[in-house]
Amino acid sequence: MPLAKIVYASMTGNTEACADIVADKLEELGFEVELDECSSVDADEMADADLCIIGTYTYGDGELPDEIVDFYEELAEVDLSGKIYGCFGSGDTFYDDFCICVDMFEAQFEKTGATKGAELVRVDLSPEDEDEAHLEAFAETLAAHFNCLS
């Protein structure tokens, strides 16, 4: 059974709710899912997964959350060649740099040799019905991309 590893940072629970939606859909699609809060996992553990997925919120004026900085920095050093990645996040459209940390993680994944499997998903605050549909489609696209390569 293919493994999807989802690592997330969530202060208010919004990003965790997004991660749960993605995890549930991937399980429905036949993946084993490991869902980890970012401070409880090392970036090199992503090498064990077939799908490598990050969910993060954007803090303040476009900063990475403190609890995910180490993971972010370590990720660039991990060889994820042959792996599929995807990124999603929550934020607040009140800020100019809405969900910019999702873009930062995409750039970090590009250094690992992993292949982008789905477009980024950005959620304004907590996931509503439309966001849930986007997150489920994100999971389906990642799964389909994996199935095309395997």
C-alpha atoms as a PDB file:
ATOM      1  CA  MET A   1       0.000   0.000   0.000  1.00  0.00           C
ATOM      2  CA  PRO A   2       1.491   3.390  -0.945  1.00  0.00           C
ATOM      3  CA  LEU A   3       2.314   5.767   1.882  1.00  0.00           C
ATOM      4  CA  ALA A   4       1.262   9.423   2.073  1.00  0.00           C
ATOM      5  CA  LYS A   5       2.996  11.483   4.759  1.00  0.00           C
ATOM      6  CA  ILE A   6       1.258  14.709   5.729  1.00  0.00           C
ATOM      7  CA  VAL A   7       3.164  17.117   7.957  1.00  0.00           C
ATOM      8  CA  TYR A   8       1.379  20.217   9.179  1.00  0.00           C
ATOM      9  CA  ALA A   9       1.674  23.278  11.400  1.00  0.00           C
ATOM     10  CA  SER A  10      -1.531  24.617  12.911  1.00  0.00           C
ATOM     11  CA  MET A  11      -1.985  27.273  15.579  1.00  0.00           C
ATOM     12  CA  THR A  12      -5.758  27.710  15.477  1.00  0.00           C
ATOM     13  CA  GLY A  13      -6.709  24.292  14.122  1.00  0.00           C
ATOM     14  CA  ASN A  14      -7.502  25.555  10.606  1.00  0.00           C
ATOM     15  CA  THR A  15      -4.541  23.884   8.895  1.00  0.00           C
ATOM     16  CA  GLU A  16      -5.050  20.725  10.935  1.00  0.00           C
ATOM     17  CA  ALA A  17      -8.656  20.610   9.689  1.00  0.00           C
ATOM     18  CA  CYS A  18      -7.357  20.904   6.117  1.00  0.00           C
ATOM     19  CA  ALA A  19      -4.841  18.119   6.775  1.00  0.00           C
ATOM     20  CA  ASP A  20      -7.621  15.883   8.089  1.00  0.00           C
ATOM     21  CA  ILE A  21      -9.657  16.417   4.911  1.00  0.00           C
ATOM     22  CA  VAL A  22      -6.669  15.492   2.717  1.00  0.00           C
ATOM     23  CA  ALA A  23      -5.827  12.484   4.903  1.00  0.00           C
ATOM     24  CA  ASP A  24      -9.392  11.159   4.840  1.00  0.00           C
ATOM     25  CA  LYS A  25      -9.571  11.430   1.047  1.00  0.00           C
ATOM     26  CA  LEU A  26      -6.210   9.706   0.537  1.00  0.00           C
ATOM     27  CA  GLU A  27      -7.250   6.861   2.839  1.00  0.00           C
ATOM     28  CA  GLU A  28     -10.452   6.542   0.815  1.00  0.00           C
ATOM     29  CA  LEU A  29      -8.252   6.294  -2.304  1.00  0.00           C
ATOM     30  CA  GLY A  30      -6.242   3.411  -0.853  1.00  0.00           C
ATOM     31  CA  PHE A  31      -3.230   5.144   0.682  1.00  0.00           C
ATOM     32  CA  GLU A  32      -1.781   4.474   4.088  1.00  0.00           C
ATOM     33  CA  VAL A  33      -1.588   7.927   5.684  1.00  0.00           C
ATOM     34  CA  GLU A  34       0.773   9.208   8.362  1.00  0.00           C
ATOM     35  CA  LEU A  35      -0.430  12.544   9.715  1.00  0.00           C
ATOM     36  CA  ASP A  36       2.155  14.361  11.856  1.00  0.00           C
ATOM     37  CA  GLU A  37       2.336  17.717  13.581  1.00  0.00           C
ATOM     38  CA  CYS A  38       5.577  19.325  12.352  1.00  0.00           C
ATOM     39  CA  SER A  39       7.384  19.479  15.689  1.00  0.00           C
ATOM     40  CA  SER A  40       7.076  15.688  16.132  1.00  0.00           C
ATOM     41  CA  VAL A  41       8.790  14.638  12.881  1.00  0.00           C
ATOM     42  CA  ASP A  42      12.098  15.145  11.063  1.00  0.00           C
ATOM     43  CA  ALA A  43      12.242  16.168   7.412  1.00  0.00           C
ATOM     44  CA  ASP A  44      14.278  13.093   6.440  1.00  0.00           C
ATOM     45  CA  GLU A  45      11.257  10.926   7.344  1.00  0.00           C
ATOM     46  CA  MET A  46       9.634  12.210   4.153  1.00  0.00           C
ATOM     47  CA  ALA A  47      11.975   9.883   2.243  1.00  0.00           C
ATOM     48  CA  ASP A  48       9.908   6.920   3.489  1.00  0.00           C
ATOM     49  CA  ALA A  49       6.732   8.192   1.787  1.00  0.00           C
ATOM     50  CA  ASP A  50       5.438   7.995  -1.765  1.00  0.00           C
ATOM     51  CA  LEU A  51       3.412  11.219  -1.390  1.00  0.00           C
ATOM     52  CA  CYS A  52       5.040  14.019   0.625  1.00  0.00           C
ATOM     53  CA  ILE A  53       2.556  16.665   1.700  1.00  0.00           C
ATOM     54  CA  ILE A  54       2.985  19.840   3.746  1.00  0.00           C
ATOM     55  CA  GLY A  55       0.260  21.949   5.290  1.00  0.00           C
ATOM     56  CA  THR A  56       1.183  25.215   6.945  1.00  0.00           C
ATOM     57  CA  TYR A  57      -0.289  28.488   7.947  1.00  0.00           C
ATOM     58  CA  THR A  58       1.365  31.829   7.282  1.00  0.00           C
ATOM     59  CA  TYR A  59       2.223  33.815  10.368  1.00  0.00           C
ATOM     60  CA  GLY A  60       2.030  37.589  10.701  1.00  0.00           C
ATOM     61  CA  ASP A  61       3.324  39.419   7.655  1.00  0.00           C
ATOM     62  CA  GLY A  62       4.472  36.385   5.693  1.00  0.00           C
ATOM     63  CA  GLU A  63       6.689  34.506   8.127  1.00  0.00           C
ATOM     64  CA  LEU A  64       6.972  30.774   8.579  1.00  0.00           C
ATOM     65  CA  PRO A  65       5.467  29.589  11.852  1.00  0.00           C
ATOM     66  CA  ASP A  66       8.227  29.137  14.456  1.00  0.00           C
ATOM     67  CA  GLU A  67       7.370  25.471  14.959  1.00  0.00           C
ATOM     68  CA  ILE A  68       7.994  24.560  11.302  1.00  0.00           C
ATOM     69  CA  VAL A  69      11.198  26.529  10.643  1.00  0.00           C
ATOM     70  CA  ASP A  70      13.550  23.631  11.491  1.00  0.00           C
ATOM     71  CA  PHE A  71      11.565  21.221   9.323  1.00  0.00           C
ATOM     72  CA  TYR A  72      11.605  23.762   6.471  1.00  0.00           C
ATOM     73  CA  GLU A  73      15.369  24.250   6.678  1.00  0.00           C
ATOM     74  CA  GLU A  74      16.066  20.491   6.899  1.00  0.00           C
ATOM     75  CA  LEU A  75      13.773  19.693   3.962  1.00  0.00           C
ATOM     76  CA  ALA A  76      16.134  21.270   1.407  1.00  0.00           C
ATOM     77  CA  GLU A  77      18.790  18.696   2.383  1.00  0.00           C
ATOM     78  CA  VAL A  78      16.592  15.615   1.828  1.00  0.00           C
ATOM     79  CA  ASP A  79      16.737  13.679  -1.462  1.00  0.00           C
ATOM     80  CA  LEU A  80      13.142  13.034  -2.494  1.00  0.00           C
ATOM     81  CA  SER A  81      13.823  11.999  -6.080  1.00  0.00           C
ATOM     82  CA  GLY A  82      11.006   9.787  -7.298  1.00  0.00           C
ATOM     83  CA  LYS A  83       8.562  11.163  -4.714  1.00  0.00           C
ATOM     84  CA  ILE A  84       5.450  13.249  -5.372  1.00  0.00           C
ATOM     85  CA  TYR A  85       4.815  16.384  -3.313  1.00  0.00           C
ATOM     86  CA  GLY A  86       1.951  18.729  -2.632  1.00  0.00           C
ATOM     87  CA  CYS A  87       1.437  21.792  -0.422  1.00  0.00           C
ATOM     88  CA  PHE A  88      -1.592  23.436   1.101  1.00  0.00           C
ATOM     89  CA  GLY A  89      -2.167  26.018   3.764  1.00  0.00           C
ATOM     90  CA  SER A  90      -4.440  28.366   5.575  1.00  0.00           C
ATOM     91  CA  GLY A  91      -4.149  32.080   6.044  1.00  0.00           C
ATOM     92  CA  ASP A  92      -6.060  35.288   6.285  1.00  0.00           C
ATOM     93  CA  THR A  93      -6.764  37.391   3.197  1.00  0.00           C
ATOM     94  CA  PHE A  94      -6.496  40.443   5.451  1.00  0.00           C
ATOM     95  CA  TYR A  95      -2.705  40.162   5.013  1.00  0.00           C
ATOM     96  CA  ASP A  96      -0.862  41.139   1.832  1.00  0.00           C
ATOM     97  CA  ASP A  97       1.151  37.902   1.835  1.00  0.00           C
ATOM     98  CA  PHE A  98      -1.830  35.538   2.003  1.00  0.00           C
ATOM     99  CA  CYS A  99      -0.608  31.937   2.433  1.00  0.00           C
ATOM    100  CA  ILE A 100       2.889  32.788   1.168  1.00  0.00           C
ATOM    101  CA  CYS A 101       4.428  30.029   3.282  1.00  0.00           C
ATOM    102  CA  VAL A 102       2.778  27.494   0.975  1.00  0.00           C
ATOM    103  CA  ASP A 103       4.820  28.995  -1.881  1.00  0.00           C
ATOM    104  CA  MET A 104       7.933  28.895   0.297  1.00  0.00           C
ATOM    105  CA  PHE A 105       7.465  25.165   0.881  1.00  0.00           C
ATOM    106  CA  GLU A 106       6.913  24.566  -2.822  1.00  0.00           C
ATOM    107  CA  ALA A 107      10.273  26.213  -3.523  1.00  0.00           C
ATOM    108  CA  GLN A 108      11.875  24.092  -0.804  1.00  0.00           C
ATOM    109  CA  PHE A 109      10.439  20.885  -2.299  1.00  0.00           C
ATOM    110  CA  GLU A 110      11.879  21.831  -5.691  1.00  0.00           C
ATOM    111  CA  LYS A 111      15.358  21.544  -4.122  1.00  0.00           C
ATOM    112  CA  THR A 112      14.671  17.937  -3.083  1.00  0.00           C
ATOM    113  CA  GLY A 113      14.182  16.444  -6.540  1.00  0.00           C
ATOM    114  CA  ALA A 114      10.535  15.572  -5.800  1.00  0.00           C
ATOM    115  CA  THR A 115       7.887  16.025  -8.492  1.00  0.00           C
ATOM    116  CA  LYS A 116       4.995  18.422  -8.009  1.00  0.00           C
ATOM    117  CA  GLY A 117       1.802  16.381  -8.015  1.00  0.00           C
ATOM    118  CA  ALA A 118      -0.901  19.027  -7.609  1.00  0.00           C
ATOM    119  CA  GLU A 119      -1.434  22.760  -7.611  1.00  0.00           C
ATOM    120  CA  LEU A 120      -1.156  24.551  -4.276  1.00  0.00           C
ATOM    121  CA  VAL A 121      -4.307  24.970  -2.215  1.00  0.00           C
ATOM    122  CA  ARG A 122      -4.850  28.103  -0.120  1.00  0.00           C
ATOM    123  CA  VAL A 123      -7.676  28.329   2.400  1.00  0.00           C
ATOM    124  CA  ASP A 124      -8.906  31.594   3.893  1.00  0.00           C
ATOM    125  CA  LEU A 125      -9.154  30.894   7.630  1.00  0.00           C
ATOM    126  CA  SER A 126     -11.053  27.636   8.243  1.00  0.00           C
ATOM    127  CA  PRO A 127     -12.115  25.278   5.449  1.00  0.00           C
ATOM    128  CA  GLU A 128     -15.642  25.832   4.174  1.00  0.00           C
ATOM    129  CA  ASP A 129     -17.528  23.484   1.817  1.00  0.00           C
ATOM    130  CA  GLU A 130     -15.819  24.899  -1.284  1.00  0.00           C
ATOM    131  CA  ASP A 131     -12.393  24.560   0.364  1.00  0.00           C
ATOM    132  CA  GLU A 132     -13.166  20.975   1.336  1.00  0.00           C
ATOM    133  CA  ALA A 133     -13.938  20.209  -2.305  1.00  0.00           C
ATOM    134  CA  HIS A 134     -10.630  21.821  -3.373  1.00  0.00           C
ATOM    135  CA  LEU A 135      -8.679  19.842  -0.763  1.00  0.00           C
ATOM    136  CA  GLU A 136     -10.324  16.579  -1.823  1.00  0.00           C
ATOM    137  CA  ALA A 137      -9.538  17.359  -5.478  1.00  0.00           C
ATOM    138  CA  PHE A 138      -5.938  18.124  -4.402  1.00  0.00           C
ATOM    139  CA  ALA A 139      -5.720  14.657  -2.801  1.00  0.00           C
ATOM    140  CA  GLU A 140      -7.255  13.005  -5.872  1.00  0.00           C
ATOM    141  CA  THR A 141      -4.780  14.765  -8.182  1.00  0.00           C
ATOM    142  CA  LEU A 142      -1.823  13.694  -6.025  1.00  0.00           C
ATOM    143  CA  ALA A 143      -3.085  10.102  -6.003  1.00  0.00           C
ATOM    144  CA  ALA A 144      -3.611  10.103  -9.767  1.00  0.00           C
ATOM    145  CA  HIS A 145      -0.144  11.552 -10.328  1.00  0.00           C
ATOM    146  CA  PHE A 146       1.347   8.808  -8.163  1.00  0.00           C
ATOM    147  CA  ASN A 147      -0.606   6.114 -10.012  1.00  0.00           C
ATOM    148  CA  CYS A 148       0.629   7.443 -13.385  1.00  0.00           C
ATOM    149  CA  LEU A 149       4.257   7.179 -12.245  1.00  0.00           C
ATOM    150  CA  SER A 150       4.091   3.812 -10.520  1.00  0.00           C
END
